[in-house]
Amino acid sequence: MITKDAQAILLQVAHEAISYGLANGSEKRIDLNRYEPKIEEQRASFVTLYLYGELRGCIGTLEAC
């Protein structure tokens, strides 16, 4: 189970990664070393993006990779 604190951190990471990717291109990645080690565990992840309440896209995996 992921704690509420870890969920908030993961949401922050997703926001930052999207913003960073839009500004710098997809070839560069954000530095994850400044986040707590718990978020580095191999887990499945899925991100859904909405803009003004409408689905804009989603990406993810149901298996840890």
PDB file of N, CA and C in Angstrom:
ATOM      1  N   MET A   1       0.837  -1.184   0.000  1.00  0.00           N
ATOM      2  CA  MET A   1       0.000   0.000   0.000  1.00  0.00           C
ATOM      3  C   MET A   1       0.887   1.254   0.000  1.00  0.00           C
ATOM      4  N   ILE A   2       0.504   2.239  -0.744  1.00  0.00           N
ATOM      5  CA  ILE A   2       1.251   3.495  -0.801  1.00  0.00           C
ATOM      6  C   ILE A   2       0.595   4.486   0.156  1.00  0.00           C
ATOM      7  N   THR A   3       1.425   5.169   0.933  1.00  0.00           N
ATOM      8  CA  THR A   3       0.904   6.150   1.883  1.00  0.00           C
ATOM      9  C   THR A   3       0.383   7.377   1.149  1.00  0.00           C
ATOM     10  N   LYS A   4      -0.432   8.161   1.843  1.00  0.00           N
ATOM     11  CA  LYS A   4      -0.951   9.416   1.256  1.00  0.00           C
ATOM     12  C   LYS A   4       0.198  10.355   0.914  1.00  0.00           C
ATOM     13  N   ASP A   5       1.233  10.375   1.765  1.00  0.00           N
ATOM     14  CA  ASP A   5       2.390  11.229   1.484  1.00  0.00           C
ATOM     15  C   ASP A   5       3.093  10.803   0.195  1.00  0.00           C
ATOM     16  N   ALA A   6       3.274   9.490   0.018  1.00  0.00           N
ATOM     17  CA  ALA A   6       3.911   8.993  -1.200  1.00  0.00           C
ATOM     18  C   ALA A   6       3.043   9.278  -2.419  1.00  0.00           C
ATOM     19  N   GLN A   7       1.724   9.166  -2.280  1.00  0.00           N
ATOM     20  CA  GLN A   7       0.824   9.496  -3.388  1.00  0.00           C
ATOM     21  C   GLN A   7       0.980  10.950  -3.796  1.00  0.00           C
ATOM     22  N   ALA A   8       1.069  11.850  -2.812  1.00  0.00           N
ATOM     23  CA  ALA A   8       1.240  13.271  -3.108  1.00  0.00           C
ATOM     24  C   ALA A   8       2.566  13.523  -3.816  1.00  0.00           C
ATOM     25  N   ILE A   9       3.617  12.834  -3.391  1.00  0.00           N
ATOM     26  CA  ILE A   9       4.924  12.985  -4.028  1.00  0.00           C
ATOM     27  C   ILE A   9       4.871  12.482  -5.465  1.00  0.00           C
ATOM     28  N   LEU A  10       4.229  11.342  -5.687  1.00  0.00           N
ATOM     29  CA  LEU A  10       4.130  10.795  -7.044  1.00  0.00           C
ATOM     30  C   LEU A  10       3.336  11.718  -7.965  1.00  0.00           C
ATOM     31  N   LEU A  11       2.294  12.336  -7.443  1.00  0.00           N
ATOM     32  CA  LEU A  11       1.529  13.294  -8.238  1.00  0.00           C
ATOM     33  C   LEU A  11       2.396  14.496  -8.592  1.00  0.00           C
ATOM     34  N   GLN A  12       3.187  14.966  -7.628  1.00  0.00           N
ATOM     35  CA  GLN A  12       4.108  16.078  -7.870  1.00  0.00           C
ATOM     36  C   GLN A  12       5.135  15.693  -8.938  1.00  0.00           C
ATOM     37  N   VAL A  13       5.668  14.476  -8.853  1.00  0.00           N
ATOM     38  CA  VAL A  13       6.650  14.003  -9.840  1.00  0.00           C
ATOM     39  C   VAL A  13       6.020  13.964 -11.234  1.00  0.00           C
ATOM     40  N   ALA A  14       4.790  13.462 -11.331  1.00  0.00           N
ATOM     41  CA  ALA A  14       4.107  13.400 -12.629  1.00  0.00           C
ATOM     42  C   ALA A  14       3.920  14.791 -13.212  1.00  0.00           C
ATOM     43  N   HIS A  15       3.483  15.733 -12.388  1.00  0.00           N
ATOM     44  CA  HIS A  15       3.301  17.114 -12.863  1.00  0.00           C
ATOM     45  C   HIS A  15       4.621  17.693 -13.334  1.00  0.00           C
ATOM     46  N   GLU A  16       5.660  17.497 -12.528  1.00  0.00           N
ATOM     47  CA  GLU A  16       6.968  18.045 -12.882  1.00  0.00           C
ATOM     48  C   GLU A  16       7.516  17.397 -14.156  1.00  0.00           C
ATOM     49  N   ALA A  17       7.349  16.086 -14.294  1.00  0.00           N
ATOM     50  CA  ALA A  17       7.860  15.386 -15.476  1.00  0.00           C
ATOM     51  C   ALA A  17       7.175  15.871 -16.745  1.00  0.00           C
ATOM     52  N   ILE A  18       5.873  16.082 -16.675  1.00  0.00           N
ATOM     53  CA  ILE A  18       5.135  16.570 -17.844  1.00  0.00           C
ATOM     54  C   ILE A  18       5.574  17.982 -18.194  1.00  0.00           C
ATOM     55  N   SER A  19       5.645  18.859 -17.206  1.00  0.00           N
ATOM     56  CA  SER A  19       6.079  20.243 -17.440  1.00  0.00           C
ATOM     57  C   SER A  19       7.494  20.288 -17.992  1.00  0.00           C
ATOM     58  N   TYR A  20       8.382  19.491 -17.395  1.00  0.00           N
ATOM     59  CA  TYR A  20       9.772  19.455 -17.829  1.00  0.00           C
ATOM     60  C   TYR A  20       9.872  18.926 -19.259  1.00  0.00           C
ATOM     61  N   GLY A  21       9.117  17.878 -19.561  1.00  0.00           N
ATOM     62  CA  GLY A  21       9.145  17.311 -20.907  1.00  0.00           C
ATOM     63  C   GLY A  21       8.648  18.284 -21.960  1.00  0.00           C
ATOM     64  N   LEU A  22       7.600  19.030 -21.622  1.00  0.00           N
ATOM     65  CA  LEU A  22       7.079  20.018 -22.561  1.00  0.00           C
ATOM     66  C   LEU A  22       8.081  21.147 -22.798  1.00  0.00           C
ATOM     67  N   ALA A  23       8.801  21.531 -21.764  1.00  0.00           N
ATOM     68  CA  ALA A  23       9.757  22.629 -21.880  1.00  0.00           C
ATOM     69  C   ALA A  23      11.090  22.198 -22.486  1.00  0.00           C
ATOM     70  N   ASN A  24      11.505  20.953 -22.248  1.00  0.00           N
ATOM     71  CA  ASN A  24      12.852  20.523 -22.618  1.00  0.00           C
ATOM     72  C   ASN A  24      12.910  19.377 -23.616  1.00  0.00           C
ATOM     73  N   GLY A  25      11.788  18.853 -24.010  1.00  0.00           N
ATOM     74  CA  GLY A  25      11.781  17.710 -24.910  1.00  0.00           C
ATOM     75  C   GLY A  25      11.819  16.406 -24.138  1.00  0.00           C
ATOM     76  N   SER A  26      11.448  15.355 -24.793  1.00  0.00           N
ATOM     77  CA  SER A  26      11.325  14.069 -24.116  1.00  0.00           C
ATOM     78  C   SER A  26      12.652  13.351 -23.911  1.00  0.00           C
ATOM     79  N   GLU A  27      13.717  13.845 -24.501  1.00  0.00           N
ATOM     80  CA  GLU A  27      15.013  13.188 -24.356  1.00  0.00           C
ATOM     81  C   GLU A  27      15.647  13.452 -22.994  1.00  0.00           C
ATOM     82  N   LYS A  28      15.266  14.528 -22.341  1.00  0.00           N
ATOM     83  CA  LYS A  28      15.815  14.856 -21.027  1.00  0.00           C
ATOM     84  C   LYS A  28      14.810  14.442 -19.967  1.00  0.00           C
ATOM     85  N   ARG A  29      15.323  14.055 -18.800  1.00  0.00           N
ATOM     86  CA  ARG A  29      14.450  13.595 -17.720  1.00  0.00           C
ATOM     87  C   ARG A  29      14.701  14.400 -16.453  1.00  0.00           C
ATOM     88  N   ILE A  30      13.683  14.445 -15.591  1.00  0.00           N
ATOM     89  CA  ILE A  30      13.842  15.145 -14.321  1.00  0.00           C
ATOM     90  C   ILE A  30      14.734  14.321 -13.399  1.00  0.00           C
ATOM     91  N   ASP A  31      15.324  14.962 -12.399  1.00  0.00           N
ATOM     92  CA  ASP A  31      16.184  14.309 -11.419  1.00  0.00           C
ATOM     93  C   ASP A  31      15.319  13.744 -10.304  1.00  0.00           C
ATOM     94  N   LEU A  32      15.239  12.435 -10.198  1.00  0.00           N
ATOM     95  CA  LEU A  32      14.427  11.799  -9.166  1.00  0.00           C
ATOM     96  C   LEU A  32      15.175  11.599  -7.856  1.00  0.00           C
ATOM     97  N   ASN A  33      16.468  11.909  -7.830  1.00  0.00           N
ATOM     98  CA  ASN A  33      17.276  11.687  -6.631  1.00  0.00           C
ATOM     99  C   ASN A  33      16.840  12.530  -5.445  1.00  0.00           C
ATOM    100  N   ARG A  34      16.097  13.586  -5.668  1.00  0.00           N
ATOM    101  CA  ARG A  34      15.701  14.450  -4.560  1.00  0.00           C
ATOM    102  C   ARG A  34      14.421  13.980  -3.872  1.00  0.00           C
ATOM    103  N   TYR A  35      13.827  12.902  -4.373  1.00  0.00           N
ATOM    104  CA  TYR A  35      12.616  12.365  -3.774  1.00  0.00           C
ATOM    105  C   TYR A  35      12.954  11.185  -2.871  1.00  0.00           C
ATOM    106  N   GLU A  36      12.051  10.884  -1.961  1.00  0.00           N
ATOM    107  CA  GLU A  36      12.305   9.790  -1.018  1.00  0.00           C
ATOM    108  C   GLU A  36      12.446   8.458  -1.754  1.00  0.00           C
ATOM    109  N   PRO A  37      13.292   7.564  -1.224  1.00  0.00           N
ATOM    110  CA  PRO A  37      13.558   6.281  -1.892  1.00  0.00           C
ATOM    111  C   PRO A  37      12.321   5.410  -2.087  1.00  0.00           C
ATOM    112  N   LYS A  38      11.288   5.548  -1.263  1.00  0.00           N
ATOM    113  CA  LYS A  38      10.097   4.700  -1.374  1.00  0.00           C
ATOM    114  C   LYS A  38       9.477   4.779  -2.769  1.00  0.00           C
ATOM    115  N   ILE A  39       9.538   5.938  -3.416  1.00  0.00           N
ATOM    116  CA  ILE A  39       8.918   6.052  -4.746  1.00  0.00           C
ATOM    117  C   ILE A  39       9.741   5.370  -5.826  1.00  0.00           C
ATOM    118  N   GLU A  40      10.935   4.892  -5.476  1.00  0.00           N
ATOM    119  CA  GLU A  40      11.764   4.204  -6.455  1.00  0.00           C
ATOM    120  C   GLU A  40      11.430   2.720  -6.566  1.00  0.00           C
ATOM    121  N   GLU A  41      10.527   2.214  -5.722  1.00  0.00           N
ATOM    122  CA  GLU A  41      10.146   0.811  -5.793  1.00  0.00           C
ATOM    123  C   GLU A  41       9.504   0.517  -7.146  1.00  0.00           C
ATOM    124  N   GLN A  42       9.791  -0.648  -7.702  1.00  0.00           N
ATOM    125  CA  GLN A  42       9.213  -1.046  -8.984  1.00  0.00           C
ATOM    126  C   GLN A  42       7.734  -1.355  -8.778  1.00  0.00           C
ATOM    127  N   ARG A  43       6.875  -0.601  -9.403  1.00  0.00           N
ATOM    128  CA  ARG A  43       5.437  -0.788  -9.308  1.00  0.00           C
ATOM    129  C   ARG A  43       4.802  -0.445 -10.651  1.00  0.00           C
ATOM    130  N   ALA A  44       3.572  -0.857 -10.806  1.00  0.00           N
ATOM    131  CA  ALA A  44       2.811  -0.443 -11.979  1.00  0.00           C
ATOM    132  C   ALA A  44       2.446   1.033 -11.821  1.00  0.00           C
ATOM    133  N   SER A  45       2.255   1.713 -12.925  1.00  0.00           N
ATOM    134  CA  SER A  45       1.859   3.122 -12.847  1.00  0.00           C
ATOM    135  C   SER A  45       0.962   3.459 -14.035  1.00  0.00           C
ATOM    136  N   PHE A  46       0.118   4.413 -13.810  1.00  0.00           N
ATOM    137  CA  PHE A  46      -0.800   4.848 -14.859  1.00  0.00           C
ATOM    138  C   PHE A  46      -1.122   6.315 -14.614  1.00  0.00           C
ATOM    139  N   VAL A  47      -1.021   7.133 -15.628  1.00  0.00           N
ATOM    140  CA  VAL A  47      -1.290   8.562 -15.510  1.00  0.00           C
ATOM    141  C   VAL A  47      -2.380   8.931 -16.513  1.00  0.00           C
ATOM    142  N   THR A  48      -3.393   9.614 -16.039  1.00  0.00           N
ATOM    143  CA  THR A  48      -4.486  10.080 -16.883  1.00  0.00           C
ATOM    144  C   THR A  48      -4.506  11.605 -16.839  1.00  0.00           C
ATOM    145  N   LEU A  49      -4.553  12.235 -17.995  1.00  0.00           N
ATOM    146  CA  LEU A  49      -4.527  13.692 -18.076  1.00  0.00           C
ATOM    147  C   LEU A  49      -5.886  14.229 -18.506  1.00  0.00           C
ATOM    148  N   TYR A  50      -6.360  15.214 -17.771  1.00  0.00           N
ATOM    149  CA  TYR A  50      -7.614  15.888 -18.101  1.00  0.00           C
ATOM    150  C   TYR A  50      -7.337  17.371 -18.282  1.00  0.00           C
ATOM    151  N   LEU A  51      -8.030  17.995 -19.184  1.00  0.00           N
ATOM    152  CA  LEU A  51      -7.954  19.438 -19.378  1.00  0.00           C
ATOM    153  C   LEU A  51      -9.378  19.955 -19.428  1.00  0.00           C
ATOM    154  N   TYR A  52      -9.701  20.796 -18.482  1.00  0.00           N
ATOM    155  CA  TYR A  52     -11.061  21.342 -18.367  1.00  0.00           C
ATOM    156  C   TYR A  52     -12.111  20.228 -18.285  1.00  0.00           C
ATOM    157  N   GLY A  53     -11.778  19.186 -17.539  1.00  0.00           N
ATOM    158  CA  GLY A  53     -12.708  18.092 -17.317  1.00  0.00           C
ATOM    159  C   GLY A  53     -12.806  17.081 -18.441  1.00  0.00           C
ATOM    160  N   GLU A  54     -12.057  17.275 -19.512  1.00  0.00           N
ATOM    161  CA  GLU A  54     -12.100  16.352 -20.644  1.00  0.00           C
ATOM    162  C   GLU A  54     -10.805  15.550 -20.718  1.00  0.00           C
ATOM    163  N   LEU A  55     -10.941  14.272 -21.022  1.00  0.00           N
ATOM    164  CA  LEU A  55      -9.790  13.395 -21.140  1.00  0.00           C
ATOM    165  C   LEU A  55      -8.890  13.863 -22.286  1.00  0.00           C
ATOM    166  N   ARG A  56      -7.597  14.048 -21.972  1.00  0.00           N
ATOM    167  CA  ARG A  56      -6.638  14.476 -22.988  1.00  0.00           C
ATOM    168  C   ARG A  56      -5.666  13.362 -23.335  1.00  0.00           C
ATOM    169  N   GLY A  57      -5.505  12.382 -22.450  1.00  0.00           N
ATOM    170  CA  GLY A  57      -4.611  11.271 -22.743  1.00  0.00           C
ATOM    171  C   GLY A  57      -4.306  10.470 -21.507  1.00  0.00           C
ATOM    172  N   CYS A  58      -3.776   9.293 -21.729  1.00  0.00           N
ATOM    173  CA  CYS A  58      -3.356   8.463 -20.611  1.00  0.00           C
ATOM    174  C   CYS A  58      -2.224   7.545 -21.083  1.00  0.00           C
ATOM    175  N   ILE A  59      -1.393   7.161 -20.129  1.00  0.00           N
ATOM    176  CA  ILE A  59      -0.260   6.297 -20.417  1.00  0.00           C
ATOM    177  C   ILE A  59       0.063   5.519 -19.154  1.00  0.00           C
ATOM    178  N   GLY A  60       0.572   4.331 -19.317  1.00  0.00           N
ATOM    179  CA  GLY A  60       0.959   3.569 -18.150  1.00  0.00           C
ATOM    180  C   GLY A  60       1.055   2.090 -18.422  1.00  0.00           C
ATOM    181  N   THR A  61       1.270   1.360 -17.346  1.00  0.00           N
ATOM    182  CA  THR A  61       1.403  -0.075 -17.404  1.00  0.00           C
ATOM    183  C   THR A  61       0.747  -0.697 -16.176  1.00  0.00           C
ATOM    184  N   LEU A  62       0.182  -1.854 -16.327  1.00  0.00           N
ATOM    185  CA  LEU A  62      -0.452  -2.534 -15.199  1.00  0.00           C
ATOM    186  C   LEU A  62       0.516  -3.488 -14.506  1.00  0.00           C
ATOM    187  N   GLU A  63       1.734  -3.603 -15.044  1.00  0.00           N
ATOM    188  CA  GLU A  63       2.752  -4.454 -14.444  1.00  0.00           C
ATOM    189  C   GLU A  63       3.970  -3.606 -14.135  1.00  0.00           C
ATOM    190  N   ALA A  64       4.634  -3.943 -13.022  1.00  0.00           N
ATOM    191  CA  ALA A  64       5.881  -3.250 -12.688  1.00  0.00           C
ATOM    192  C   ALA A  64       6.916  -3.557 -13.750  1.00  0.00           C
ATOM    193  N   CYS A  65       7.689  -2.570 -14.132  1.00  0.00           N
ATOM    194  CA  CYS A  65       8.719  -2.809 -15.140  1.00  0.00           C
ATOM    195  C   CYS A  65       9.998  -2.096 -14.776  1.00  0.00           C
TER     196      CYS A  65
END
